[in-house]
Amino acid sequence: MESIVFLLVVVTLTVGVCRGESLLHSVAGEVGRGNYTYYTLMYKGPITLYLYSHSGDADIYVSQTTKKPTFEPDTYCLQSSTCGLDIIKIPRSFRRPVRIGVYGHPSKELSTYLLEAYYRDEEDVEDIDPFAEINTEEENNANSWSNENIAGDRRKRGQERIEEAVSSEYYEKKEKPDNDVSSTLVGNTV
């Protein structure tokens, strides 16, 4: 059994390193139907957030201006509301602190999830030049297969890790009277 756990850890670390990302923080949580759980991201630099819904459907809303982003368009800067893996790429230029709202979709009574924050070692186009050319259609088609595989790998890894995720000294959960939950992800630039 120990060799299986060790293998899982090695595979997880290798996947992050091969993709040019370093795991900064991982938080398992739950959110009720129509409610939000809030986080504050203090890490600087280009960050990618991955939200894996284990049960139900959790969606993610991110803001550099609003303390409690919601699904209302004037409260968020970035959002992902898919039925599967939600991915948000926060550019280096985003002001800190970055506020993150995880929303429990009304279709399920409770959504459980794993939220991971990765530092991107390789800069994305939006981190370098906001007016850079968009990939040609051929490049997009060539990249679509590998992006689907990456998302599938991340979904599988997220399902495996969601149950083993534990709180750390960087994560503090506070109950709010309005049923919102606030937490803080803090750290230094990698």
N, C-alpha and C. Protein backbone atom coordinates (compact mmCIF):
# COMPACT_ATOMS: atom_id res chain seq x y z
N MET A 1 0.82 -1.19 0.00
CA MET A 1 0.00 0.00 0.00
C MET A 1 0.87 1.26 0.00
N GLU A 2 1.99 1.23 0.74
CA GLU A 2 2.87 2.38 0.79
C GLU A 2 3.44 2.72 -0.58
N SER A 3 3.74 1.68 -1.38
CA SER A 3 4.29 1.94 -2.71
C SER A 3 3.26 2.60 -3.61
N ILE A 4 1.99 2.28 -3.44
CA ILE A 4 0.94 2.91 -4.25
C ILE A 4 0.82 4.39 -3.89
N VAL A 5 0.83 4.70 -2.60
CA VAL A 5 0.76 6.09 -2.16
C VAL A 5 1.97 6.86 -2.66
N PHE A 6 3.16 6.27 -2.54
CA PHE A 6 4.38 6.91 -3.01
C PHE A 6 4.31 7.17 -4.51
N LEU A 7 3.82 6.19 -5.26
CA LEU A 7 3.69 6.32 -6.71
C LEU A 7 2.74 7.46 -7.04
N LEU A 8 1.62 7.56 -6.33
CA LEU A 8 0.66 8.62 -6.56
C LEU A 8 1.29 9.99 -6.31
N VAL A 9 2.06 10.11 -5.25
CA VAL A 9 2.73 11.37 -4.94
C VAL A 9 3.74 11.72 -6.02
N VAL A 10 4.53 10.75 -6.46
CA VAL A 10 5.52 10.99 -7.51
C VAL A 10 4.83 11.40 -8.80
N VAL A 11 3.76 10.72 -9.18
CA VAL A 11 3.03 11.05 -10.40
C VAL A 11 2.46 12.46 -10.30
N THR A 12 1.86 12.80 -9.16
CA THR A 12 1.28 14.12 -8.96
C THR A 12 2.34 15.20 -9.08
N LEU A 13 3.48 15.02 -8.44
CA LEU A 13 4.55 16.01 -8.51
C LEU A 13 5.11 16.12 -9.91
N THR A 14 5.25 15.00 -10.60
CA THR A 14 5.79 15.00 -11.96
C THR A 14 4.86 15.73 -12.91
N VAL A 15 3.55 15.52 -12.78
CA VAL A 15 2.60 16.18 -13.67
C VAL A 15 2.73 17.69 -13.55
N GLY A 16 2.80 18.23 -12.32
CA GLY A 16 2.94 19.66 -12.12
C GLY A 16 4.24 20.20 -12.68
N VAL A 17 5.33 19.50 -12.46
CA VAL A 17 6.64 19.95 -12.92
C VAL A 17 6.71 19.91 -14.44
N CYS A 18 6.18 18.87 -15.07
CA CYS A 18 6.23 18.75 -16.52
C CYS A 18 5.43 19.85 -17.21
N ARG A 19 4.42 20.35 -16.59
CA ARG A 19 3.57 21.37 -17.20
C ARG A 19 4.07 22.78 -16.91
N GLY A 20 5.19 22.93 -16.21
CA GLY A 20 5.71 24.25 -15.92
C GLY A 20 4.94 24.97 -14.84
N GLU A 21 4.37 24.22 -13.91
CA GLU A 21 3.61 24.80 -12.81
C GLU A 21 4.10 24.23 -11.49
N SER A 22 4.00 25.04 -10.44
CA SER A 22 4.36 24.59 -9.10
C SER A 22 3.16 24.78 -8.19
N LEU A 23 2.76 23.72 -7.51
CA LEU A 23 1.62 23.80 -6.60
C LEU A 23 1.96 24.71 -5.43
N LEU A 24 1.12 25.72 -5.22
CA LEU A 24 1.31 26.65 -4.11
C LEU A 24 0.42 26.28 -2.93
N HIS A 25 -0.81 25.90 -3.24
CA HIS A 25 -1.76 25.64 -2.17
C HIS A 25 -2.92 24.79 -2.69
N SER A 26 -3.48 23.99 -1.81
CA SER A 26 -4.60 23.12 -2.14
C SER A 26 -5.58 23.14 -0.98
N VAL A 27 -6.86 23.34 -1.29
CA VAL A 27 -7.89 23.43 -0.25
C VAL A 27 -9.09 22.60 -0.67
N ALA A 28 -9.53 21.69 0.20
CA ALA A 28 -10.77 20.95 -0.02
C ALA A 28 -11.87 21.68 0.73
N GLY A 29 -13.04 21.76 0.12
CA GLY A 29 -14.14 22.47 0.77
C GLY A 29 -15.48 22.00 0.27
N GLU A 30 -16.51 22.60 0.85
CA GLU A 30 -17.88 22.33 0.41
C GLU A 30 -18.66 23.63 0.47
N VAL A 31 -19.67 23.71 -0.38
CA VAL A 31 -20.51 24.90 -0.44
C VAL A 31 -21.94 24.46 -0.73
N GLY A 32 -22.88 25.06 -0.01
CA GLY A 32 -24.29 24.71 -0.18
C GLY A 32 -24.89 25.33 -1.43
N ARG A 33 -26.05 24.81 -1.80
CA ARG A 33 -26.80 25.28 -2.96
C ARG A 33 -27.04 26.79 -2.87
N GLY A 34 -26.61 27.52 -3.90
CA GLY A 34 -26.84 28.96 -3.96
C GLY A 34 -25.97 29.79 -3.03
N ASN A 35 -25.00 29.19 -2.36
CA ASN A 35 -24.12 29.91 -1.44
C ASN A 35 -22.72 30.05 -2.02
N TYR A 36 -21.90 30.85 -1.35
CA TYR A 36 -20.52 31.09 -1.76
C TYR A 36 -19.57 30.76 -0.62
N THR A 37 -18.38 30.30 -0.97
CA THR A 37 -17.25 30.22 -0.06
C THR A 37 -16.20 31.15 -0.65
N TYR A 38 -15.63 32.03 0.17
CA TYR A 38 -14.70 33.04 -0.33
C TYR A 38 -13.28 32.77 0.13
N TYR A 39 -12.34 33.09 -0.76
CA TYR A 39 -10.92 32.95 -0.49
C TYR A 39 -10.22 34.24 -0.91
N THR A 40 -9.08 34.50 -0.31
CA THR A 40 -8.23 35.62 -0.69
C THR A 40 -6.88 35.06 -1.11
N LEU A 41 -6.46 35.38 -2.32
CA LEU A 41 -5.18 34.91 -2.85
C LEU A 41 -4.16 36.03 -2.73
N MET A 42 -3.07 35.75 -2.02
CA MET A 42 -2.02 36.75 -1.81
C MET A 42 -0.77 36.48 -2.64
N TYR A 43 -0.64 35.26 -3.20
CA TYR A 43 0.54 34.94 -4.00
C TYR A 43 0.64 35.90 -5.17
N LYS A 44 1.87 36.32 -5.49
CA LYS A 44 2.11 37.21 -6.63
C LYS A 44 2.55 36.38 -7.84
N GLY A 45 2.46 37.00 -9.01
CA GLY A 45 2.91 36.33 -10.22
C GLY A 45 1.75 35.70 -10.97
N PRO A 46 2.07 35.02 -12.08
CA PRO A 46 1.03 34.35 -12.86
C PRO A 46 0.56 33.09 -12.14
N ILE A 47 -0.72 33.02 -11.84
CA ILE A 47 -1.29 31.92 -11.06
C ILE A 47 -2.40 31.26 -11.87
N THR A 48 -2.48 29.94 -11.79
CA THR A 48 -3.60 29.21 -12.38
C THR A 48 -4.37 28.55 -11.25
N LEU A 49 -5.69 28.74 -11.26
CA LEU A 49 -6.57 28.10 -10.28
C LEU A 49 -7.29 26.95 -10.96
N TYR A 50 -7.31 25.79 -10.30
CA TYR A 50 -8.05 24.63 -10.78
C TYR A 50 -9.10 24.30 -9.73
N LEU A 51 -10.36 24.23 -10.14
CA LEU A 51 -11.45 23.88 -9.24
C LEU A 51 -12.05 22.57 -9.72
N TYR A 52 -11.85 21.51 -8.92
CA TYR A 52 -12.38 20.19 -9.23
C TYR A 52 -13.65 19.98 -8.41
N SER A 53 -14.78 19.76 -9.06
CA SER A 53 -16.01 19.45 -8.33
C SER A 53 -16.05 17.94 -8.11
N HIS A 54 -16.05 17.54 -6.84
CA HIS A 54 -16.11 16.12 -6.49
C HIS A 54 -17.55 15.64 -6.54
N SER A 55 -18.45 16.40 -5.94
CA SER A 55 -19.88 16.12 -6.02
C SER A 55 -20.59 17.45 -6.21
N GLY A 56 -21.74 17.42 -6.85
CA GLY A 56 -22.43 18.66 -7.15
C GLY A 56 -21.72 19.40 -8.27
N ASP A 57 -21.88 20.72 -8.28
CA ASP A 57 -21.25 21.55 -9.31
C ASP A 57 -20.83 22.88 -8.70
N ALA A 58 -19.55 23.02 -8.41
CA ALA A 58 -19.01 24.27 -7.89
C ALA A 58 -18.47 25.10 -9.05
N ASP A 59 -18.73 26.40 -9.03
CA ASP A 59 -18.24 27.33 -10.04
C ASP A 59 -17.34 28.36 -9.35
N ILE A 60 -16.49 29.03 -10.14
CA ILE A 60 -15.51 29.95 -9.55
C ILE A 60 -15.59 31.34 -10.19
N TYR A 61 -15.55 32.36 -9.33
CA TYR A 61 -15.59 33.76 -9.74
C TYR A 61 -14.42 34.48 -9.06
N VAL A 62 -13.67 35.28 -9.84
CA VAL A 62 -12.44 35.91 -9.35
C VAL A 62 -12.50 37.41 -9.61
N SER A 63 -12.04 38.20 -8.63
CA SER A 63 -12.03 39.65 -8.79
C SER A 63 -10.77 40.26 -8.19
N GLN A 64 -10.32 41.34 -8.82
CA GLN A 64 -9.22 42.12 -8.26
C GLN A 64 -9.76 43.42 -7.66
N THR A 65 -11.08 43.64 -7.76
CA THR A 65 -11.68 44.89 -7.29
C THR A 65 -12.76 44.70 -6.23
N THR A 66 -13.45 43.57 -6.25
CA THR A 66 -14.58 43.31 -5.35
C THR A 66 -14.18 42.29 -4.30
N LYS A 67 -14.58 42.51 -3.04
CA LYS A 67 -14.22 41.58 -1.98
C LYS A 67 -15.00 40.27 -2.05
N LYS A 68 -16.22 40.31 -2.56
CA LYS A 68 -17.04 39.11 -2.65
C LYS A 68 -17.62 38.96 -4.06
N PRO A 69 -16.81 38.40 -4.97
CA PRO A 69 -17.33 38.22 -6.33
C PRO A 69 -18.46 37.19 -6.37
N THR A 70 -19.44 37.45 -7.21
CA THR A 70 -20.57 36.54 -7.39
C THR A 70 -20.76 36.31 -8.88
N PHE A 71 -21.87 35.65 -9.26
CA PHE A 71 -22.13 35.44 -10.68
C PHE A 71 -22.67 36.69 -11.37
N GLU A 72 -22.90 37.77 -10.62
CA GLU A 72 -23.33 39.02 -11.23
C GLU A 72 -22.15 39.62 -12.00
N PRO A 73 -22.36 39.98 -13.27
CA PRO A 73 -21.25 40.41 -14.14
C PRO A 73 -20.40 41.57 -13.60
N ASP A 74 -20.99 42.48 -12.85
CA ASP A 74 -20.21 43.63 -12.38
C ASP A 74 -19.40 43.33 -11.12
N THR A 75 -19.43 42.08 -10.63
CA THR A 75 -18.69 41.74 -9.41
C THR A 75 -17.45 40.89 -9.66
N TYR A 76 -17.28 40.36 -10.85
CA TYR A 76 -16.11 39.51 -11.11
C TYR A 76 -15.34 39.99 -12.33
N CYS A 77 -14.05 39.63 -12.37
CA CYS A 77 -13.19 39.94 -13.51
C CYS A 77 -12.97 38.70 -14.38
N LEU A 78 -12.88 37.52 -13.74
CA LEU A 78 -12.71 36.24 -14.42
C LEU A 78 -13.68 35.25 -13.82
N GLN A 79 -14.15 34.31 -14.63
CA GLN A 79 -15.05 33.29 -14.10
C GLN A 79 -14.99 32.02 -14.93
N SER A 80 -15.36 30.91 -14.29
CA SER A 80 -15.52 29.64 -14.98
C SER A 80 -16.69 28.93 -14.34
N SER A 81 -17.66 28.58 -15.16
CA SER A 81 -18.87 27.94 -14.63
C SER A 81 -19.25 26.73 -15.47
N THR A 82 -18.29 25.84 -15.65
CA THR A 82 -18.54 24.62 -16.41
C THR A 82 -19.12 23.56 -15.49
N CYS A 83 -19.54 22.46 -16.07
CA CYS A 83 -20.04 21.34 -15.27
C CYS A 83 -18.91 20.40 -14.86
N GLY A 84 -17.70 20.71 -15.24
CA GLY A 84 -16.56 19.84 -14.91
C GLY A 84 -15.46 20.64 -14.27
N LEU A 85 -14.25 20.42 -14.75
CA LEU A 85 -13.08 21.12 -14.24
C LEU A 85 -13.14 22.60 -14.62
N ASP A 86 -13.01 23.48 -13.63
CA ASP A 86 -12.99 24.92 -13.88
C ASP A 86 -11.55 25.42 -13.75
N ILE A 87 -11.10 26.17 -14.76
CA ILE A 87 -9.72 26.67 -14.79
C ILE A 87 -9.74 28.18 -14.97
N ILE A 88 -8.99 28.88 -14.12
CA ILE A 88 -8.84 30.34 -14.23
C ILE A 88 -7.36 30.65 -14.27
N LYS A 89 -6.93 31.43 -15.27
CA LYS A 89 -5.54 31.88 -15.34
C LYS A 89 -5.51 33.35 -14.92
N ILE A 90 -4.86 33.59 -13.78
CA ILE A 90 -4.74 34.94 -13.25
C ILE A 90 -3.42 35.52 -13.75
N PRO A 91 -3.47 36.61 -14.52
CA PRO A 91 -2.23 37.18 -15.05
C PRO A 91 -1.41 37.85 -13.96
N ARG A 92 -0.15 37.99 -14.23
CA ARG A 92 0.79 38.66 -13.32
C ARG A 92 0.30 40.07 -12.99
N SER A 93 -0.37 40.72 -13.94
CA SER A 93 -0.79 42.12 -13.78
C SER A 93 -1.98 42.30 -12.82
N PHE A 94 -2.64 41.24 -12.42
CA PHE A 94 -3.78 41.36 -11.50
C PHE A 94 -3.31 41.95 -10.18
N ARG A 95 -4.08 42.92 -9.65
CA ARG A 95 -3.77 43.50 -8.34
C ARG A 95 -4.03 42.48 -7.25
N ARG A 96 -3.20 42.52 -6.22
CA ARG A 96 -3.39 41.67 -5.05
C ARG A 96 -3.96 42.50 -3.93
N PRO A 97 -4.76 41.96 -3.06
CA PRO A 97 -5.18 40.56 -3.03
C PRO A 97 -6.23 40.28 -4.10
N VAL A 98 -6.23 39.03 -4.57
CA VAL A 98 -7.23 38.55 -5.52
C VAL A 98 -8.30 37.84 -4.70
N ARG A 99 -9.55 38.18 -4.95
CA ARG A 99 -10.67 37.56 -4.23
C ARG A 99 -11.28 36.47 -5.09
N ILE A 100 -11.57 35.35 -4.44
CA ILE A 100 -12.10 34.17 -5.13
C ILE A 100 -13.41 33.77 -4.47
N GLY A 101 -14.44 33.60 -5.27
CA GLY A 101 -15.72 33.10 -4.78
C GLY A 101 -16.01 31.76 -5.41
N VAL A 102 -16.28 30.74 -4.59
CA VAL A 102 -16.69 29.43 -5.09
C VAL A 102 -18.18 29.31 -4.82
N TYR A 103 -18.95 29.10 -5.88
CA TYR A 103 -20.41 29.11 -5.83
C TYR A 103 -20.95 27.70 -5.94
N GLY A 104 -21.91 27.36 -5.10
CA GLY A 104 -22.59 26.07 -5.18
C GLY A 104 -23.79 26.17 -6.10
N HIS A 105 -23.73 25.52 -7.24
CA HIS A 105 -24.83 25.59 -8.20
C HIS A 105 -26.12 25.07 -7.58
N PRO A 106 -27.26 25.69 -7.90
CA PRO A 106 -28.54 25.30 -7.29
C PRO A 106 -29.03 23.90 -7.67
N SER A 107 -28.41 23.27 -8.65
CA SER A 107 -28.87 21.95 -9.09
C SER A 107 -28.63 20.87 -8.04
N LYS A 108 -27.70 21.09 -7.12
CA LYS A 108 -27.39 20.11 -6.08
C LYS A 108 -27.42 20.79 -4.72
N GLU A 109 -27.82 20.03 -3.70
CA GLU A 109 -27.91 20.59 -2.35
C GLU A 109 -26.54 20.99 -1.80
N LEU A 110 -25.52 20.17 -2.10
CA LEU A 110 -24.18 20.43 -1.59
C LEU A 110 -23.15 20.09 -2.67
N SER A 111 -22.18 20.95 -2.83
CA SER A 111 -21.07 20.69 -3.76
C SER A 111 -19.78 20.59 -2.95
N THR A 112 -19.03 19.51 -3.17
CA THR A 112 -17.70 19.38 -2.56
C THR A 112 -16.67 19.58 -3.66
N TYR A 113 -15.54 20.15 -3.29
CA TYR A 113 -14.57 20.52 -4.32
C TYR A 113 -13.15 20.53 -3.77
N LEU A 114 -12.21 20.60 -4.70
CA LEU A 114 -10.80 20.81 -4.39
C LEU A 114 -10.36 22.02 -5.21
N LEU A 115 -9.82 23.03 -4.54
CA LEU A 115 -9.31 24.23 -5.19
C LEU A 115 -7.80 24.22 -5.07
N GLU A 116 -7.11 24.29 -6.22
CA GLU A 116 -5.65 24.30 -6.23
C GLU A 116 -5.15 25.58 -6.88
N ALA A 117 -4.09 26.15 -6.30
CA ALA A 117 -3.44 27.33 -6.86
C ALA A 117 -2.03 26.93 -7.29
N TYR A 118 -1.72 27.16 -8.55
CA TYR A 118 -0.40 26.84 -9.11
C TYR A 118 0.28 28.12 -9.59
N TYR A 119 1.58 28.20 -9.34
CA TYR A 119 2.40 29.26 -9.92
C TYR A 119 2.83 28.78 -11.29
N ARG A 120 2.58 29.60 -12.33
CA ARG A 120 3.01 29.24 -13.69
C ARG A 120 4.45 29.68 -13.88
N ASP A 121 5.33 28.70 -14.08
CA ASP A 121 6.75 28.99 -14.29
C ASP A 121 6.99 29.63 -15.65
N GLU A 122 6.17 29.26 -16.62
CA GLU A 122 6.29 29.82 -17.95
C GLU A 122 5.21 30.87 -18.11
N GLU A 123 5.60 32.04 -18.58
CA GLU A 123 4.63 33.11 -18.73
C GLU A 123 3.71 32.84 -19.91
N ASP A 124 2.45 33.20 -19.75
CA ASP A 124 1.48 33.10 -20.83
C ASP A 124 1.51 34.37 -21.66
N VAL A 125 0.87 34.32 -22.80
CA VAL A 125 0.82 35.47 -23.70
C VAL A 125 0.26 36.69 -22.97
N GLU A 126 -0.80 36.50 -22.18
CA GLU A 126 -1.40 37.65 -21.51
C GLU A 126 -0.49 38.25 -20.44
N ASP A 127 0.51 37.49 -19.99
CA ASP A 127 1.46 38.01 -19.02
C ASP A 127 2.55 38.84 -19.69
N ILE A 128 2.76 38.65 -20.98
CA ILE A 128 3.85 39.31 -21.69
C ILE A 128 3.34 40.50 -22.50
N ASP A 129 2.36 40.26 -23.38
CA ASP A 129 1.89 41.30 -24.27
C ASP A 129 0.38 41.17 -24.47
N PRO A 130 -0.41 42.11 -23.94
CA PRO A 130 -1.86 41.98 -24.08
C PRO A 130 -2.34 42.14 -25.51
N PHE A 131 -1.48 42.63 -26.41
CA PHE A 131 -1.89 42.81 -27.80
C PHE A 131 -1.26 41.78 -28.73
N ALA A 132 -0.78 40.68 -28.17
CA ALA A 132 -0.14 39.63 -28.98
C ALA A 132 -1.16 38.97 -29.89
N GLU A 133 -0.66 38.41 -31.01
CA GLU A 133 -1.55 37.74 -31.95
C GLU A 133 -2.12 36.47 -31.35
N ILE A 134 -3.34 36.16 -31.75
CA ILE A 134 -4.00 34.93 -31.31
C ILE A 134 -3.51 33.80 -32.21
N ASN A 135 -3.43 32.59 -31.64
CA ASN A 135 -3.00 31.42 -32.43
C ASN A 135 -3.84 31.29 -33.69
N THR A 136 -3.22 30.76 -34.73
CA THR A 136 -3.97 30.48 -35.95
C THR A 136 -4.91 29.32 -35.69
N GLU A 137 -5.87 29.13 -36.56
CA GLU A 137 -6.84 28.04 -36.38
C GLU A 137 -6.13 26.69 -36.36
N GLU A 138 -5.09 26.53 -37.19
CA GLU A 138 -4.35 25.27 -37.22
C GLU A 138 -3.69 24.99 -35.87
N GLU A 139 -3.08 26.00 -35.27
CA GLU A 139 -2.45 25.82 -33.96
C GLU A 139 -3.48 25.48 -32.90
N ASN A 140 -4.64 26.13 -32.96
CA ASN A 140 -5.69 25.84 -31.99
C ASN A 140 -6.17 24.40 -32.12
N ASN A 141 -6.33 23.92 -33.36
CA ASN A 141 -6.76 22.53 -33.56
C ASN A 141 -5.70 21.56 -33.06
N ALA A 142 -4.43 21.87 -33.29
CA ALA A 142 -3.35 20.99 -32.82
C ALA A 142 -3.28 20.96 -31.30
N ASN A 143 -3.58 22.09 -30.66
CA ASN A 143 -3.52 22.17 -29.20
C ASN A 143 -4.76 21.59 -28.53
N SER A 144 -5.89 21.50 -29.23
CA SER A 144 -7.13 21.07 -28.57
C SER A 144 -7.03 19.65 -28.04
N TRP A 145 -6.35 18.75 -28.75
CA TRP A 145 -6.25 17.37 -28.27
C TRP A 145 -5.47 17.31 -26.98
N SER A 146 -4.31 17.99 -26.93
CA SER A 146 -3.49 17.94 -25.72
C SER A 146 -4.17 18.65 -24.56
N ASN A 147 -4.92 19.73 -24.82
CA ASN A 147 -5.63 20.41 -23.73
C ASN A 147 -6.71 19.53 -23.15
N GLU A 148 -7.40 18.75 -23.99
CA GLU A 148 -8.41 17.82 -23.48
C GLU A 148 -7.77 16.76 -22.60
N ASN A 149 -6.60 16.24 -23.02
CA ASN A 149 -5.91 15.25 -22.21
C ASN A 149 -5.44 15.84 -20.89
N ILE A 150 -4.93 17.07 -20.92
CA ILE A 150 -4.49 17.73 -19.69
C ILE A 150 -5.67 17.89 -18.75
N ALA A 151 -6.80 18.34 -19.27
CA ALA A 151 -7.99 18.51 -18.42
C ALA A 151 -8.43 17.16 -17.86
N GLY A 152 -8.39 16.11 -18.66
CA GLY A 152 -8.75 14.78 -18.17
C GLY A 152 -7.81 14.30 -17.08
N ASP A 153 -6.50 14.52 -17.29
CA ASP A 153 -5.51 14.16 -16.26
C ASP A 153 -5.76 14.93 -14.98
N ARG A 154 -6.03 16.22 -15.09
CA ARG A 154 -6.26 17.05 -13.91
C ARG A 154 -7.54 16.62 -13.20
N ARG A 155 -8.59 16.30 -13.96
CA ARG A 155 -9.85 15.84 -13.34
C ARG A 155 -9.60 14.57 -12.54
N LYS A 156 -8.89 13.63 -13.14
CA LYS A 156 -8.61 12.36 -12.47
C LYS A 156 -7.77 12.58 -11.22
N ARG A 157 -6.72 13.40 -11.35
CA ARG A 157 -5.86 13.67 -10.20
C ARG A 157 -6.64 14.41 -9.12
N GLY A 158 -7.51 15.32 -9.52
CA GLY A 158 -8.32 16.06 -8.55
C GLY A 158 -9.24 15.14 -7.77
N GLN A 159 -9.85 14.17 -8.46
CA GLN A 159 -10.72 13.22 -7.78
C GLN A 159 -9.93 12.39 -6.78
N GLU A 160 -8.70 12.03 -7.14
CA GLU A 160 -7.86 11.23 -6.23
C GLU A 160 -7.40 12.05 -5.04
N ARG A 161 -7.11 13.33 -5.27
CA ARG A 161 -6.53 14.15 -4.20
C ARG A 161 -7.57 14.80 -3.30
N ILE A 162 -8.81 14.93 -3.77
CA ILE A 162 -9.79 15.69 -3.00
C ILE A 162 -10.05 15.09 -1.63
N GLU A 163 -9.99 13.77 -1.53
CA GLU A 163 -10.26 13.13 -0.26
C GLU A 163 -9.06 13.12 0.66
N GLU A 164 -7.86 13.30 0.12
CA GLU A 164 -6.67 13.30 0.96
C GLU A 164 -6.22 14.70 1.33
N ALA A 165 -6.88 15.72 0.78
CA ALA A 165 -6.49 17.11 1.07
C ALA A 165 -6.81 17.44 2.53
N VAL A 166 -5.90 18.13 3.16
CA VAL A 166 -6.09 18.51 4.56
C VAL A 166 -5.80 19.99 4.71
N SER A 167 -6.30 20.56 5.79
CA SER A 167 -6.04 21.97 6.08
C SER A 167 -4.57 22.16 6.41
N SER A 168 -4.06 23.34 6.16
CA SER A 168 -2.68 23.65 6.51
C SER A 168 -2.66 24.95 7.30
N GLU A 169 -1.47 25.35 7.73
CA GLU A 169 -1.37 26.58 8.50
C GLU A 169 -1.68 27.81 7.65
N TYR A 170 -1.74 27.65 6.32
CA TYR A 170 -2.04 28.78 5.45
C TYR A 170 -3.53 28.96 5.21
N TYR A 171 -4.33 28.07 5.70
CA TYR A 171 -5.76 28.08 5.40
C TYR A 171 -6.55 28.26 6.68
N GLU A 172 -7.36 29.29 6.72
CA GLU A 172 -8.18 29.54 7.89
C GLU A 172 -9.60 29.75 7.41
N LYS A 173 -10.53 29.02 7.98
CA LYS A 173 -11.92 29.07 7.57
C LYS A 173 -12.71 29.77 8.65
N LYS A 174 -13.52 30.76 8.29
CA LYS A 174 -14.31 31.51 9.26
C LYS A 174 -15.76 31.50 8.82
N GLU A 175 -16.65 31.06 9.71
CA GLU A 175 -18.08 31.09 9.40
C GLU A 175 -18.57 32.53 9.46
N LYS A 176 -19.38 32.92 8.52
CA LYS A 176 -19.97 34.25 8.49
C LYS A 176 -21.45 34.13 8.79
N PRO A 177 -22.05 35.16 9.38
CA PRO A 177 -23.48 35.10 9.70
C PRO A 177 -24.37 34.89 8.49
N ASP A 178 -23.95 35.35 7.31
CA ASP A 178 -24.78 35.21 6.11
C ASP A 178 -24.52 33.91 5.36
N ASN A 179 -23.96 32.91 6.05
CA ASN A 179 -23.67 31.59 5.49
C ASN A 179 -22.53 31.59 4.48
N ASP A 180 -21.85 32.72 4.32
CA ASP A 180 -20.66 32.74 3.49
C ASP A 180 -19.49 32.27 4.33
N VAL A 181 -18.51 31.69 3.71
CA VAL A 181 -17.31 31.25 4.40
C VAL A 181 -16.13 31.97 3.77
N SER A 182 -15.27 32.56 4.58
CA SER A 182 -14.09 33.25 4.06
C SER A 182 -12.84 32.50 4.46
N SER A 183 -11.88 32.48 3.58
CA SER A 183 -10.61 31.82 3.84
C SER A 183 -9.51 32.65 3.21
N THR A 184 -8.30 32.37 3.58
CA THR A 184 -7.17 33.10 3.02
C THR A 184 -6.10 32.14 2.53
N LEU A 185 -5.65 32.35 1.30
CA LEU A 185 -4.49 31.66 0.76
C LEU A 185 -3.39 32.70 0.74
N VAL A 186 -2.33 32.47 1.48
CA VAL A 186 -1.27 33.46 1.54
C VAL A 186 0.05 32.83 1.14
N GLY A 187 0.99 33.63 0.75
CA GLY A 187 2.30 33.09 0.43
C GLY A 187 3.19 34.13 -0.20
N ASN A 188 4.39 33.73 -0.44
CA ASN A 188 5.38 34.60 -1.07
C ASN A 188 5.56 34.19 -2.51
N THR A 189 6.14 35.07 -3.28
CA THR A 189 6.43 34.78 -4.68
C THR A 189 7.43 33.63 -4.77
N VAL A 190 7.13 32.69 -5.65
CA VAL A 190 8.02 31.55 -5.83
C VAL A 190 9.15 31.94 -6.75
